[in-house]
Amino acid sequence: MLRYRLKELIAEKEFRERRRVTVQELVEATGIARNTLSKMLNQHGASVRSENLGRLCGYFHCRIEELVEYVPDDATNGASP
């Protein structure tokens, strides 16, 4: 499963810039629909277009691996190897 590190990137940007970053700001800056951003923030493994991932990488000035993390299914189900 893929996990989006959007909350972490927002928190880092807020700390770095000493201001609040809203979902509305992300919508306006990236052109990504609010419901898509909400899914990325709240749903594990939400399906997102690669174009949107590129827009977010551009906004946060980060690499894709800083935005998206692969989590093996075993780790998400709490199963042991």
Protein backbone atom coordinates (compact mmCIF):
# COMPACT_ATOMS: atom_id res chain seq x y z
CA MET A 1 0.00 0.00 0.00
CA LEU A 2 1.11 3.56 -0.58
CA ARG A 3 0.97 6.10 2.22
CA TYR A 4 1.03 9.79 1.42
CA ARG A 5 3.18 11.91 3.72
CA LEU A 6 1.09 15.01 2.99
CA LYS A 7 0.39 15.80 6.66
CA GLU A 8 4.10 15.62 7.46
CA LEU A 9 5.04 17.86 4.54
CA ILE A 10 2.40 20.41 5.54
CA ALA A 11 3.68 20.38 9.14
CA GLU A 12 7.29 20.84 7.99
CA LYS A 13 6.29 23.77 5.74
CA GLU A 14 4.29 25.37 8.56
CA PHE A 15 7.26 25.07 10.92
CA ARG A 16 9.77 26.33 8.36
CA GLU A 17 7.63 29.31 7.31
CA ARG A 18 6.10 29.92 10.75
CA ARG A 19 2.58 30.11 9.40
CA ARG A 20 -0.46 27.91 8.88
CA VAL A 21 -0.88 26.09 5.56
CA THR A 22 -4.51 25.32 4.73
CA VAL A 23 -6.03 22.78 2.38
CA GLN A 24 -7.54 25.72 0.50
CA GLU A 25 -4.04 27.11 -0.08
CA LEU A 26 -2.99 23.73 -1.51
CA VAL A 27 -6.06 23.72 -3.77
CA GLU A 28 -5.26 27.18 -5.11
CA ALA A 29 -1.52 26.60 -5.48
CA THR A 30 -1.70 23.16 -7.13
CA GLY A 31 -5.07 23.06 -8.88
CA ILE A 32 -5.82 19.74 -7.19
CA ALA A 33 -9.44 19.25 -6.14
CA ARG A 34 -10.18 19.60 -2.44
CA ASN A 35 -11.75 16.14 -2.24
CA THR A 36 -8.59 14.58 -3.75
CA LEU A 37 -6.42 16.29 -1.15
CA SER A 38 -8.82 15.20 1.60
CA LYS A 39 -8.56 11.59 0.43
CA MET A 40 -4.77 11.82 0.50
CA LEU A 41 -4.87 13.27 4.00
CA ASN A 42 -7.40 10.85 5.48
CA GLN A 43 -7.62 7.59 3.51
CA HIS A 44 -4.88 4.99 3.52
CA GLY A 45 -3.99 3.88 0.01
CA ALA A 46 -6.19 6.39 -1.83
CA SER A 47 -5.74 6.34 -5.60
CA VAL A 48 -4.15 9.53 -6.92
CA ARG A 49 -3.11 10.54 -10.43
CA SER A 50 0.62 10.89 -11.05
CA GLU A 51 -0.02 14.42 -12.36
CA ASN A 52 -1.26 15.41 -8.90
CA LEU A 53 1.76 13.85 -7.25
CA GLY A 54 3.97 15.93 -9.52
CA ARG A 55 2.08 19.10 -8.62
CA LEU A 56 2.51 18.41 -4.91
CA CYS A 57 6.23 17.70 -5.34
CA GLY A 58 6.51 21.05 -7.11
CA TYR A 59 4.63 22.87 -4.35
CA PHE A 60 6.67 21.34 -1.54
CA HIS A 61 9.93 21.32 -3.55
CA CYS A 62 10.43 17.67 -2.69
CA ARG A 63 11.18 14.36 -4.36
CA ILE A 64 8.44 11.77 -4.90
CA GLU A 65 9.89 9.50 -2.20
CA GLU A 66 9.43 12.31 0.32
CA LEU A 67 5.73 12.48 -0.57
CA VAL A 68 4.87 8.81 -1.03
CA GLU A 69 5.94 5.90 1.15
CA TYR A 70 5.49 2.21 0.38
CA VAL A 71 4.11 0.22 3.30
CA PRO A 72 3.98 -3.57 2.83
CA ASP A 73 0.51 -5.06 3.29
CA ASP A 74 1.77 -7.14 6.24
CA ALA A 75 2.60 -3.96 8.15
CA THR A 76 -0.86 -2.49 7.55
CA ASN A 77 -2.69 -5.62 8.70
CA GLY A 78 -0.61 -6.04 11.83
CA ALA A 79 0.49 -9.50 10.68
CA SER A 80 3.93 -10.77 11.56
CA PRO A 81 6.30 -12.25 8.94
